[in-house]
PDB file of all heavy atoms in Angstrom:
ATOM      1  N   LYS A   1     -24.164  44.441  81.964  1.00  0.00           N
ATOM      2  CA  LYS A   1     -25.411  45.055  81.583  1.00  0.00           C
ATOM      3  C   LYS A   1     -26.311  44.068  80.781  1.00  0.00           C
ATOM      4  O   LYS A   1     -26.032  43.686  79.663  1.00  0.00           O
ATOM      5  CB  LYS A   1     -25.208  46.309  80.679  1.00  0.00           C
ATOM      6  CG  LYS A   1     -26.295  47.318  80.715  1.00  0.00           C
ATOM      7  CD  LYS A   1     -25.859  48.655  80.141  1.00  0.00           C
ATOM      8  CE  LYS A   1     -26.949  49.706  80.246  1.00  0.00           C
ATOM      9  NZ  LYS A   1     -26.435  51.010  79.688  1.00  0.00           N
ATOM     10  N   PHE A   2     -27.315  43.524  81.441  1.00  0.00           N
ATOM     11  CA  PHE A   2     -28.148  42.511  80.886  1.00  0.00           C
ATOM     12  C   PHE A   2     -28.911  42.976  79.622  1.00  0.00           C
ATOM     13  O   PHE A   2     -29.205  42.216  78.755  1.00  0.00           O
ATOM     14  CB  PHE A   2     -29.146  41.917  81.890  1.00  0.00           C
ATOM     15  CG  PHE A   2     -28.492  41.035  82.908  1.00  0.00           C
ATOM     16  CD1 PHE A   2     -28.085  41.568  84.095  1.00  0.00           C
ATOM     17  CD2 PHE A   2     -28.327  39.709  82.655  1.00  0.00           C
ATOM     18  CE1 PHE A   2     -27.459  40.745  85.085  1.00  0.00           C
ATOM     19  CE2 PHE A   2     -27.738  38.875  83.570  1.00  0.00           C
ATOM     20  CZ  PHE A   2     -27.294  39.397  84.801  1.00  0.00           C
ATOM     21  N   THR A   3     -29.179  44.301  79.545  1.00  0.00           N
ATOM     22  CA  THR A   3     -29.873  44.802  78.448  1.00  0.00           C
ATOM     23  C   THR A   3     -29.070  44.654  77.117  1.00  0.00           C
ATOM     24  O   THR A   3     -29.680  44.621  75.975  1.00  0.00           O
ATOM     25  CB  THR A   3     -30.220  46.271  78.586  1.00  0.00           C
ATOM     26  OG1 THR A   3     -29.048  47.017  78.956  1.00  0.00           O
ATOM     27  CG2 THR A   3     -31.206  46.502  79.723  1.00  0.00           C
ATOM     28  N   SER A   4     -27.789  44.512  77.228  1.00  0.00           N
ATOM     29  CA  SER A   4     -26.959  44.389  76.012  1.00  0.00           C
ATOM     30  C   SER A   4     -27.127  42.993  75.467  1.00  0.00           C
ATOM     31  O   SER A   4     -26.688  42.702  74.314  1.00  0.00           O
ATOM     32  CB  SER A   4     -25.460  44.543  76.448  1.00  0.00           C
ATOM     33  OG  SER A   4     -25.022  43.530  77.283  1.00  0.00           O
ATOM     34  N   LEU A   5     -27.826  42.098  76.146  1.00  0.00           N
ATOM     35  CA  LEU A   5     -28.024  40.702  75.670  1.00  0.00           C
ATOM     36  C   LEU A   5     -29.362  40.524  74.963  1.00  0.00           C
ATOM     37  O   LEU A   5     -29.675  39.437  74.464  1.00  0.00           O
ATOM     38  CB  LEU A   5     -27.890  39.699  76.768  1.00  0.00           C
ATOM     39  CG  LEU A   5     -26.541  39.694  77.464  1.00  0.00           C
ATOM     40  CD1 LEU A   5     -26.550  38.600  78.582  1.00  0.00           C
ATOM     41  CD2 LEU A   5     -25.405  39.404  76.502  1.00  0.00           C
ATOM     42  N   ILE A   6     -30.230  41.535  75.073  1.00  0.00           N
ATOM     43  CA  ILE A   6     -31.611  41.339  74.534  1.00  0.00           C
ATOM     44  C   ILE A   6     -31.593  40.943  73.110  1.00  0.00           C
ATOM     45  O   ILE A   6     -32.391  40.050  72.623  1.00  0.00           O
ATOM     46  CB  ILE A   6     -32.384  42.682  74.696  1.00  0.00           C
ATOM     47  CG1 ILE A   6     -32.618  42.954  76.196  1.00  0.00           C
ATOM     48  CG2 ILE A   6     -33.740  42.633  73.966  1.00  0.00           C
ATOM     49  CD1 ILE A   6     -33.264  44.281  76.539  1.00  0.00           C
ATOM     50  N   LYS A   7     -30.653  41.469  72.332  1.00  0.00           N
ATOM     51  CA  LYS A   7     -30.615  41.223  70.876  1.00  0.00           C
ATOM     52  C   LYS A   7     -30.322  39.692  70.570  1.00  0.00           C
ATOM     53  O   LYS A   7     -30.525  39.217  69.457  1.00  0.00           O
ATOM     54  CB  LYS A   7     -29.548  42.037  70.188  1.00  0.00           C
ATOM     55  CG  LYS A   7     -28.124  41.912  70.711  1.00  0.00           C
ATOM     56  CD  LYS A   7     -27.219  42.871  70.101  1.00  0.00           C
ATOM     57  CE  LYS A   7     -25.820  42.839  70.685  1.00  0.00           C
ATOM     58  NZ  LYS A   7     -24.881  43.840  70.100  1.00  0.00           N
ATOM     59  N   TYR A   8     -29.739  38.957  71.611  1.00  0.00           N
ATOM     60  CA  TYR A   8     -29.421  37.607  71.410  1.00  0.00           C
ATOM     61  C   TYR A   8     -30.544  36.621  71.776  1.00  0.00           C
ATOM     62  O   TYR A   8     -30.444  35.439  71.515  1.00  0.00           O
ATOM     63  CB  TYR A   8     -28.117  37.253  72.168  1.00  0.00           C
ATOM     64  CG  TYR A   8     -26.924  38.018  71.786  1.00  0.00           C
ATOM     65  CD1 TYR A   8     -26.385  38.984  72.706  1.00  0.00           C
ATOM     66  CD2 TYR A   8     -26.332  37.843  70.546  1.00  0.00           C
ATOM     67  CE1 TYR A   8     -25.243  39.646  72.315  1.00  0.00           C
ATOM     68  CE2 TYR A   8     -25.186  38.567  70.158  1.00  0.00           C
ATOM     69  CZ  TYR A   8     -24.640  39.486  71.096  1.00  0.00           C
ATOM     70  OH  TYR A   8     -23.540  40.222  70.722  1.00  0.00           O
ATOM     71  N   ILE A   9     -31.560  37.127  72.538  1.00  0.00           N
ATOM     72  CA  ILE A   9     -32.600  36.264  73.052  1.00  0.00           C
ATOM     73  C   ILE A   9     -33.305  35.491  71.885  1.00  0.00           C
ATOM     74  O   ILE A   9     -33.561  34.286  72.028  1.00  0.00           O
ATOM     75  CB  ILE A   9     -33.644  37.152  73.843  1.00  0.00           C
ATOM     76  CG1 ILE A   9     -32.923  37.664  75.086  1.00  0.00           C
ATOM     77  CG2 ILE A   9     -34.793  36.220  74.271  1.00  0.00           C
ATOM     78  CD1 ILE A   9     -32.308  36.715  76.034  1.00  0.00           C
ATOM     79  N   PRO A  10     -33.665  36.146  70.721  1.00  0.00           N
ATOM     80  CA  PRO A  10     -34.290  35.399  69.683  1.00  0.00           C
ATOM     81  C   PRO A  10     -33.455  34.228  69.205  1.00  0.00           C
ATOM     82  O   PRO A  10     -34.020  33.170  68.818  1.00  0.00           O
ATOM     83  CB  PRO A  10     -34.447  36.479  68.622  1.00  0.00           C
ATOM     84  CG  PRO A  10     -34.552  37.792  69.288  1.00  0.00           C
ATOM     85  CD  PRO A  10     -33.610  37.608  70.481  1.00  0.00           C
ATOM     86  N   LEU A  11     -32.098  34.436  69.216  1.00  0.00           N
ATOM     87  CA  LEU A  11     -31.260  33.323  68.714  1.00  0.00           C
ATOM     88  C   LEU A  11     -31.283  32.107  69.716  1.00  0.00           C
ATOM     89  O   LEU A  11     -31.175  30.996  69.263  1.00  0.00           O
ATOM     90  CB  LEU A  11     -29.827  33.818  68.588  1.00  0.00           C
ATOM     91  CG  LEU A  11     -29.558  34.912  67.530  1.00  0.00           C
ATOM     92  CD1 LEU A  11     -28.127  35.375  67.539  1.00  0.00           C
ATOM     93  CD2 LEU A  11     -29.936  34.405  66.152  1.00  0.00           C
ATOM     94  N   VAL A  12     -31.430  32.388  70.961  1.00  0.00           N
ATOM     95  CA  VAL A  12     -31.586  31.346  71.971  1.00  0.00           C
ATOM     96  C   VAL A  12     -32.913  30.644  71.793  1.00  0.00           C
ATOM     97  O   VAL A  12     -32.969  29.370  71.878  1.00  0.00           O
ATOM     98  CB  VAL A  12     -31.419  31.916  73.390  1.00  0.00           C
ATOM     99  CG1 VAL A  12     -31.680  30.834  74.468  1.00  0.00           C
ATOM    100  CG2 VAL A  12     -30.017  32.532  73.583  1.00  0.00           C
ATOM    101  N   LEU A  13     -33.965  31.403  71.546  1.00  0.00           N
ATOM    102  CA  LEU A  13     -35.298  30.870  71.364  1.00  0.00           C
ATOM    103  C   LEU A  13     -35.355  29.901  70.192  1.00  0.00           C
ATOM    104  O   LEU A  13     -36.090  28.967  70.221  1.00  0.00           O
ATOM    105  CB  LEU A  13     -36.321  31.955  71.269  1.00  0.00           C
ATOM    106  CG  LEU A  13     -36.528  32.799  72.545  1.00  0.00           C
ATOM    107  CD1 LEU A  13     -37.492  33.919  72.298  1.00  0.00           C
ATOM    108  CD2 LEU A  13     -36.998  31.953  73.680  1.00  0.00           C
ATOM    109  N   ILE A  14     -34.681  30.254  69.104  1.00  0.00           N
ATOM    110  CA  ILE A  14     -34.682  29.375  67.923  1.00  0.00           C
ATOM    111  C   ILE A  14     -33.533  28.386  67.905  1.00  0.00           C
ATOM    112  O   ILE A  14     -33.256  27.753  66.913  1.00  0.00           O
ATOM    113  CB  ILE A  14     -34.716  30.202  66.605  1.00  0.00           C
ATOM    114  CG1 ILE A  14     -33.443  31.042  66.486  1.00  0.00           C
ATOM    115  CG2 ILE A  14     -35.967  31.045  66.502  1.00  0.00           C
ATOM    116  CD1 ILE A  14     -33.348  31.782  65.165  1.00  0.00           C
ATOM    117  N   LYS A  15     -32.826  28.322  69.044  1.00  0.00           N
ATOM    118  CA  LYS A  15     -31.781  27.368  69.249  1.00  0.00           C
ATOM    119  C   LYS A  15     -30.573  27.506  68.367  1.00  0.00           C
ATOM    120  O   LYS A  15     -29.931  26.524  68.009  1.00  0.00           O
ATOM    121  CB  LYS A  15     -32.316  25.919  69.239  1.00  0.00           C
ATOM    122  CG  LYS A  15     -33.372  25.696  70.299  1.00  0.00           C
ATOM    123  CD  LYS A  15     -33.825  24.269  70.371  1.00  0.00           C
ATOM    124  CE  LYS A  15     -34.837  24.073  71.513  1.00  0.00           C
ATOM    125  NZ  LYS A  15     -35.302  22.677  71.590  1.00  0.00           N
ATOM    126  N   LYS A  16     -30.327  28.729  67.947  1.00  0.00           N
ATOM    127  CA  LYS A  16     -29.095  29.032  67.154  1.00  0.00           C
ATOM    128  C   LYS A  16     -28.009  29.524  68.081  1.00  0.00           C
ATOM    129  O   LYS A  16     -26.893  29.770  67.666  1.00  0.00           O
ATOM    130  CB  LYS A  16     -29.414  30.021  66.048  1.00  0.00           C
ATOM    131  CG  LYS A  16     -30.144  29.510  64.930  1.00  0.00           C
ATOM    132  CD  LYS A  16     -30.126  30.411  63.693  1.00  0.00           C
ATOM    133  CE  LYS A  16     -30.825  29.723  62.501  1.00  0.00           C
ATOM    134  NZ  LYS A  16     -30.728  30.542  61.276  1.00  0.00           N
ATOM    135  N   MET A  17     -28.355  29.731  69.356  1.00  0.00           N
ATOM    136  CA  MET A  17     -27.378  30.039  70.376  1.00  0.00           C
ATOM    137  C   MET A  17     -27.763  29.335  71.668  1.00  0.00           C
ATOM    138  O   MET A  17     -28.947  29.361  72.040  1.00  0.00           O
ATOM    139  CB  MET A  17     -27.358  31.589  70.578  1.00  0.00           C
ATOM    140  CG  MET A  17     -26.407  32.008  71.671  1.00  0.00           C
ATOM    141  SD  MET A  17     -26.394  33.807  71.940  1.00  0.00           S
ATOM    142  CE  MET A  17     -25.398  34.379  70.556  1.00  0.00           C
ATOM    143  N   THR A  18     -26.845  28.778  72.338  1.00  0.00           N
ATOM    144  CA  THR A  18     -27.143  28.038  73.591  1.00  0.00           C
ATOM    145  C   THR A  18     -27.117  28.979  74.766  1.00  0.00           C
ATOM    146  O   THR A  18     -26.500  30.036  74.667  1.00  0.00           O
ATOM    147  CB  THR A  18     -26.115  26.891  73.841  1.00  0.00           C
ATOM    148  OG1 THR A  18     -24.836  27.516  74.123  1.00  0.00           O
ATOM    149  CG2 THR A  18     -25.931  26.024  72.657  1.00  0.00           C
ATOM    150  N   PRO A  19     -27.755  28.582  75.866  1.00  0.00           N
ATOM    151  CA  PRO A  19     -27.702  29.415  77.065  1.00  0.00           C
ATOM    152  C   PRO A  19     -26.254  29.670  77.522  1.00  0.00           C
ATOM    153  O   PRO A  19     -25.941  30.701  78.050  1.00  0.00           O
ATOM    154  CB  PRO A  19     -28.449  28.610  78.135  1.00  0.00           C
ATOM    155  CG  PRO A  19     -29.421  27.821  77.321  1.00  0.00           C
ATOM    156  CD  PRO A  19     -28.667  27.471  76.032  1.00  0.00           C
ATOM    157  N   ASN A  20     -25.354  28.662  77.290  1.00  0.00           N
ATOM    158  CA  ASN A  20     -23.949  28.840  77.692  1.00  0.00           C
ATOM    159  C   ASN A  20     -23.251  29.863  76.745  1.00  0.00           C
ATOM    160  O   ASN A  20     -22.423  30.681  77.218  1.00  0.00           O
ATOM    161  CB  ASN A  20     -23.179  27.550  77.558  1.00  0.00           C
ATOM    162  CG  ASN A  20     -21.861  27.582  78.278  1.00  0.00           C
ATOM    163  OD1 ASN A  20     -21.835  27.943  79.433  1.00  0.00           O
ATOM    164  ND2 ASN A  20     -20.771  27.145  77.610  1.00  0.00           N
ATOM    165  N   ASP A  21     -23.709  29.908  75.465  1.00  0.00           N
ATOM    166  CA  ASP A  21     -23.176  30.956  74.559  1.00  0.00           C
ATOM    167  C   ASP A  21     -23.603  32.331  75.068  1.00  0.00           C
ATOM    168  O   ASP A  21     -22.829  33.288  74.991  1.00  0.00           O
ATOM    169  CB  ASP A  21     -23.739  30.793  73.127  1.00  0.00           C
ATOM    170  CG  ASP A  21     -23.184  29.504  72.451  1.00  0.00           C
ATOM    171  OD1 ASP A  21     -22.052  29.093  72.837  1.00  0.00           O
ATOM    172  OD2 ASP A  21     -23.908  28.949  71.583  1.00  0.00           O
ATOM    173  N   LEU A  22     -24.846  32.437  75.556  1.00  0.00           N
ATOM    174  CA  LEU A  22     -25.339  33.695  76.046  1.00  0.00           C
ATOM    175  C   LEU A  22     -24.574  34.112  77.328  1.00  0.00           C
ATOM    176  O   LEU A  22     -24.211  35.303  77.482  1.00  0.00           O
ATOM    177  CB  LEU A  22     -26.780  33.519  76.419  1.00  0.00           C
ATOM    178  CG  LEU A  22     -27.606  34.804  76.670  1.00  0.00           C
ATOM    179  CD1 LEU A  22     -27.675  35.632  75.432  1.00  0.00           C
ATOM    180  CD2 LEU A  22     -28.986  34.518  77.176  1.00  0.00           C
ATOM    181  N   ARG A  23     -24.225  33.112  78.156  1.00  0.00           N
ATOM    182  CA  ARG A  23     -23.436  33.421  79.327  1.00  0.00           C
ATOM    183  C   ARG A  23     -22.057  33.928  78.928  1.00  0.00           C
ATOM    184  O   ARG A  23     -21.491  34.872  79.553  1.00  0.00           O
ATOM    185  CB  ARG A  23     -23.289  32.114  80.172  1.00  0.00           C
ATOM    186  CG  ARG A  23     -22.509  32.327  81.482  1.00  0.00           C
ATOM    187  CD  ARG A  23     -22.368  31.068  82.248  1.00  0.00           C
ATOM    188  NE  ARG A  23     -21.601  31.248  83.452  1.00  0.00           N
ATOM    189  CZ  ARG A  23     -20.325  31.178  83.484  1.00  0.00           C
ATOM    190  NH1 ARG A  23     -19.609  30.853  82.398  1.00  0.00           N
ATOM    191  NH2 ARG A  23     -19.607  31.341  84.620  1.00  0.00           N
ATOM    192  N   ASN A  24     -21.452  33.360  77.870  1.00  0.00           N
ATOM    193  CA  ASN A  24     -20.124  33.791  77.441  1.00  0.00           C
ATOM    194  C   ASN A  24     -20.229  35.253  76.915  1.00  0.00           C
ATOM    195  O   ASN A  24     -19.307  36.005  77.120  1.00  0.00           O
ATOM    196  CB  ASN A  24     -19.656  32.853  76.344  1.00  0.00           C
ATOM    197  CG  ASN A  24     -19.226  31.530  76.870  1.00  0.00           C
ATOM    198  OD1 ASN A  24     -18.894  31.343  78.054  1.00  0.00           O
ATOM    199  ND2 ASN A  24     -19.280  30.488  76.074  1.00  0.00           N
ATOM    200  N   LYS A  25     -21.379  35.572  76.234  1.00  0.00           N
ATOM    201  CA  LYS A  25     -21.543  36.958  75.739  1.00  0.00           C
ATOM    202  C   LYS A  25     -21.559  37.874  76.929  1.00  0.00           C
ATOM    203  O   LYS A  25     -21.104  39.036  76.924  1.00  0.00           O
ATOM    204  CB  LYS A  25     -22.780  37.021  74.948  1.00  0.00           C
ATOM    205  CG  LYS A  25     -22.734  36.392  73.586  1.00  0.00           C
ATOM    206  CD  LYS A  25     -21.868  37.188  72.597  1.00  0.00           C
ATOM    207  CE  LYS A  25     -21.863  36.615  71.217  1.00  0.00           C
ATOM    208  NZ  LYS A  25     -20.943  37.293  70.271  1.00  0.00           N
ATOM    209  N   LEU A  26     -22.220  37.442  78.011  1.00  0.00           N
ATOM    210  CA  LEU A  26     -22.373  38.238  79.225  1.00  0.00           C
ATOM    211  C   LEU A  26     -21.018  38.485  79.832  1.00  0.00           C
ATOM    212  O   LEU A  26     -20.711  39.638  80.215  1.00  0.00           O
ATOM    213  CB  LEU A  26     -23.292  37.599  80.225  1.00  0.00           C
ATOM    214  CG  LEU A  26     -23.765  38.410  81.426  1.00  0.00           C
ATOM    215  CD1 LEU A  26     -24.658  39.539  80.944  1.00  0.00           C
ATOM    216  CD2 LEU A  26     -24.571  37.559  82.394  1.00  0.00           C
ATOM    217  N   ASN A  27     -20.212  37.414  79.879  1.00  0.00           N
ATOM    218  CA  ASN A  27     -18.879  37.575  80.430  1.00  0.00           C
ATOM    219  C   ASN A  27     -17.975  38.521  79.602  1.00  0.00           C
ATOM    220  O   ASN A  27     -17.203  39.270  80.110  1.00  0.00           O
ATOM    221  CB  ASN A  27     -18.225  36.196  80.543  1.00  0.00           C
ATOM    222  CG  ASN A  27     -18.747  35.369  81.686  1.00  0.00           C
ATOM    223  OD1 ASN A  27     -19.265  35.870  82.636  1.00  0.00           O
ATOM    224  ND2 ASN A  27     -18.607  34.040  81.578  1.00  0.00           N
ATOM    225  N   GLU A  28     -18.244  38.504  78.276  1.00  0.00           N
ATOM    226  CA  GLU A  28     -17.438  39.287  77.390  1.00  0.00           C
ATOM    227  C   GLU A  28     -17.733  40.799  77.617  1.00  0.00           C
ATOM    228  O   GLU A  28     -16.904  41.652  77.297  1.00  0.00           O
ATOM    229  CB  GLU A  28     -17.731  38.941  75.952  1.00  0.00           C
ATOM    230  CG  GLU A  28     -17.109  37.568  75.503  1.00  0.00           C
ATOM    231  CD  GLU A  28     -17.636  37.088  74.125  1.00  0.00           C
ATOM    232  OE1 GLU A  28     -18.369  37.851  73.490  1.00  0.00           O
ATOM    233  OE2 GLU A  28     -17.331  35.947  73.785  1.00  0.00           O
ATOM    234  N   SER A  29     -18.947  41.068  78.079  1.00  0.00           N
ATOM    235  CA  SER A  29     -19.314  42.436  78.280  1.00  0.00           C
ATOM    236  C   SER A  29     -18.819  43.101  79.608  1.00  0.00           C
ATOM    237  O   SER A  29     -18.935  44.264  79.834  1.00  0.00           O
ATOM    238  CB  SER A  29     -20.851  42.524  78.267  1.00  0.00           C
ATOM    239  OG  SER A  29     -21.465  41.993  79.402  1.00  0.00           O
ATOM    240  N   VAL A  30     -18.283  42.196  80.486  1.00  0.00           N
ATOM    241  CA  VAL A  30     -17.869  42.665  81.763  1.00  0.00           C
ATOM    242  C   VAL A  30     -16.815  43.743  81.769  1.00  0.00           C
ATOM    243  O   VAL A  30     -16.941  44.779  82.427  1.00  0.00           O
ATOM    244  CB  VAL A  30     -17.432  41.475  82.700  1.00  0.00           C
ATOM    245  CG1 VAL A  30     -16.800  41.938  84.008  1.00  0.00           C
ATOM    246  CG2 VAL A  30     -18.653  40.564  83.006  1.00  0.00           C
ATOM    247  N   PRO A  31     -15.682  43.580  81.012  1.00  0.00           N
ATOM    248  CA  PRO A  31     -14.625  44.587  81.142  1.00  0.00           C
ATOM    249  C   PRO A  31     -15.119  45.979  80.711  1.00  0.00           C
ATOM    250  O   PRO A  31     -14.718  46.956  81.377  1.00  0.00           O
ATOM    251  CB  PRO A  31     -13.588  44.041  80.088  1.00  0.00           C
ATOM    252  CG  PRO A  31     -13.778  42.567  80.057  1.00  0.00           C
ATOM    253  CD  PRO A  31     -15.249  42.425  80.194  1.00  0.00           C
ATOM    254  N   HIS A  32     -15.938  46.070  79.672  1.00  0.00           N
ATOM    255  CA  HIS A  32     -16.401  47.367  79.246  1.00  0.00           C
ATOM    256  C   HIS A  32     -17.290  47.985  80.383  1.00  0.00           C
ATOM    257  O   HIS A  32     -17.217  49.189  80.636  1.00  0.00           O
ATOM    258  CB  HIS A  32     -17.266  47.262  77.943  1.00  0.00           C
ATOM    259  CG  HIS A  32     -17.740  48.495  77.477  1.00  0.00           C
ATOM    260  ND1 HIS A  32     -19.055  48.908  77.723  1.00  0.00           N
ATOM    261  CD2 HIS A  32     -17.196  49.565  76.726  1.00  0.00           C
ATOM    262  CE1 HIS A  32     -19.237  50.104  77.177  1.00  0.00           C
ATOM    263  NE2 HIS A  32     -18.150  50.531  76.562  1.00  0.00           N
ATOM    264  N   TYR A  33     -18.181  47.150  80.954  1.00  0.00           N
ATOM    265  CA  TYR A  33     -19.090  47.665  81.998  1.00  0.00           C
ATOM    266  C   TYR A  33     -18.321  48.162  83.154  1.00  0.00           C
ATOM    267  O   TYR A  33     -18.528  49.253  83.628  1.00  0.00           O
ATOM    268  CB  TYR A  33     -20.072  46.512  82.382  1.00  0.00           C
ATOM    269  CG  TYR A  33     -20.979  46.973  83.491  1.00  0.00           C
ATOM    270  CD1 TYR A  33     -22.189  47.702  83.228  1.00  0.00           C
ATOM    271  CD2 TYR A  33     -20.788  46.632  84.808  1.00  0.00           C
ATOM    272  CE1 TYR A  33     -23.033  48.038  84.196  1.00  0.00           C
ATOM    273  CE2 TYR A  33     -21.615  46.982  85.824  1.00  0.00           C
ATOM    274  CZ  TYR A  33     -22.760  47.713  85.503  1.00  0.00           C
ATOM    275  OH  TYR A  33     -23.636  48.092  86.512  1.00  0.00           O
ATOM    276  N   ILE A  34     -17.373  47.373  83.649  1.00  0.00           N
ATOM    277  CA  ILE A  34     -16.583  47.687  84.865  1.00  0.00           C
ATOM    278  C   ILE A  34     -15.756  48.983  84.575  1.00  0.00           C
ATOM    279  O   ILE A  34     -15.651  49.890  85.430  1.00  0.00           O
ATOM    280  CB  ILE A  34     -15.709  46.576  85.241  1.00  0.00           C
ATOM    281  CG1 ILE A  34     -16.576  45.410  85.785  1.00  0.00           C
ATOM    282  CG2 ILE A  34     -14.709  46.980  86.363  1.00  0.00           C
ATOM    283  CD1 ILE A  34     -17.373  45.666  87.000  1.00  0.00           C
ATOM    284  N   SER A  35     -15.125  48.981  83.412  1.00  0.00           N
ATOM    285  CA  SER A  35     -14.205  50.051  83.042  1.00  0.00           C
ATOM    286  C   SER A  35     -14.787  51.371  82.765  1.00  0.00           C
ATOM    287  O   SER A  35     -14.170  52.414  82.850  1.00  0.00           O
ATOM    288  CB  SER A  35     -13.280  49.645  81.907  1.00  0.00           C
ATOM    289  OG  SER A  35     -12.590  48.391  82.337  1.00  0.00           O
ATOM    290  N   THR A  36     -16.116  51.398  82.402  1.00  0.00           N
ATOM    291  CA  THR A  36     -16.761  52.614  82.021  1.00  0.00           C
ATOM    292  C   THR A  36     -17.892  53.023  82.995  1.00  0.00           C
ATOM    293  O   THR A  36     -18.581  54.049  82.805  1.00  0.00           O
ATOM    294  CB  THR A  36     -17.372  52.534  80.638  1.00  0.00           C
ATOM    295  OG1 THR A  36     -18.389  51.455  80.586  1.00  0.00           O
ATOM    296  CG2 THR A  36     -16.255  52.206  79.610  1.00  0.00           C
ATOM    297  N   LEU A  37     -18.104  52.291  84.091  1.00  0.00           N
ATOM    298  CA  LEU A  37     -19.126  52.541  85.026  1.00  0.00           C
ATOM    299  C   LEU A  37     -18.881  53.961  85.655  1.00  0.00           C
ATOM    300  O   LEU A  37     -17.808  54.154  86.219  1.00  0.00           O
ATOM    301  CB  LEU A  37     -19.124  51.489  86.079  1.00  0.00           C
ATOM    302  CG  LEU A  37     -20.358  51.366  87.036  1.00  0.00           C
ATOM    303  CD1 LEU A  37     -21.614  51.046  86.228  1.00  0.00           C
ATOM    304  CD2 LEU A  37     -20.136  50.374  88.118  1.00  0.00           C
ATOM    305  N   PRO A  38     -19.852  54.871  85.557  1.00  0.00           N
ATOM    306  CA  PRO A  38     -19.642  56.167  86.127  1.00  0.00           C
ATOM    307  C   PRO A  38     -19.421  56.160  87.551  1.00  0.00           C
ATOM    308  O   PRO A  38     -19.893  55.328  88.308  1.00  0.00           O
ATOM    309  CB  PRO A  38     -20.980  56.919  85.805  1.00  0.00           C
ATOM    310  CG  PRO A  38     -21.563  56.182  84.667  1.00  0.00           C
ATOM    311  CD  PRO A  38     -21.184  54.730  84.866  1.00  0.00           C
ATOM    312  N   LEU A  39     -18.578  57.156  88.038  1.00  0.00           N
ATOM    313  CA  LEU A  39     -18.192  57.196  89.424  1.00  0.00           C
ATOM    314  C   LEU A  39     -19.435  57.304  90.367  1.00  0.00           C
ATOM    315  O   LEU A  39     -19.432  56.678  91.465  1.00  0.00           O
ATOM    316  CB  LEU A  39     -17.231  58.348  89.678  1.00  0.00           C
ATOM    317  CG  LEU A  39     -16.385  58.351  90.994  1.00  0.00           C
ATOM    318  CD1 LEU A  39     -15.617  57.041  91.136  1.00  0.00           C
ATOM    319  CD2 LEU A  39     -15.490  59.514  91.081  1.00  0.00           C
ATOM    320  N   LYS A  40     -20.425  58.060  89.912  1.00  0.00           N
ATOM    321  CA  LYS A  40     -21.608  58.239  90.689  1.00  0.00           C
ATOM    322  C   LYS A  40     -22.334  56.863  90.883  1.00  0.00           C
ATOM    323  O   LYS A  40     -22.828  56.593  91.984  1.00  0.00           O
ATOM    324  CB  LYS A  40     -22.563  59.174  89.953  1.00  0.00           C
ATOM    325  CG  LYS A  40     -23.845  59.461  90.738  1.00  0.00           C
ATOM    326  CD  LYS A  40     -24.752  60.421  89.976  1.00  0.00           C
ATOM    327  CE  LYS A  40     -26.086  60.636  90.703  1.00  0.00           C
ATOM    328  NZ  LYS A  40     -26.972  61.579  89.978  1.00  0.00           N
ATOM    329  N   LYS A  41     -22.318  56.068  89.830  1.00  0.00           N
ATOM    330  CA  LYS A  41     -22.936  54.750  89.919  1.00  0.00           C
ATOM    331  C   LYS A  41     -22.069  53.818  90.809  1.00  0.00           C
ATOM    332  O   LYS A  41     -22.636  52.981  91.573  1.00  0.00           O
ATOM    333  CB  LYS A  41     -23.067  54.089  88.536  1.00  0.00           C
ATOM    334  CG  LYS A  41     -23.803  52.760  88.491  1.00  0.00           C
ATOM    335  CD  LYS A  41     -25.226  52.858  88.914  1.00  0.00           C
ATOM    336  CE  LYS A  41     -25.947  51.550  88.756  1.00  0.00           C
ATOM    337  NZ  LYS A  41     -27.285  51.602  89.254  1.00  0.00           N
TER     338      LYS A  41
END
């Protein structure tokens, strides 16, 4: 869920977080997304 990363965008813009750090955060969110995705979705 890309919307879960919105809170990190300011940190990337001020260079306190790298794009690769952001990618790692995205990867970290995968298990929760996959495991809780509603059956209808």
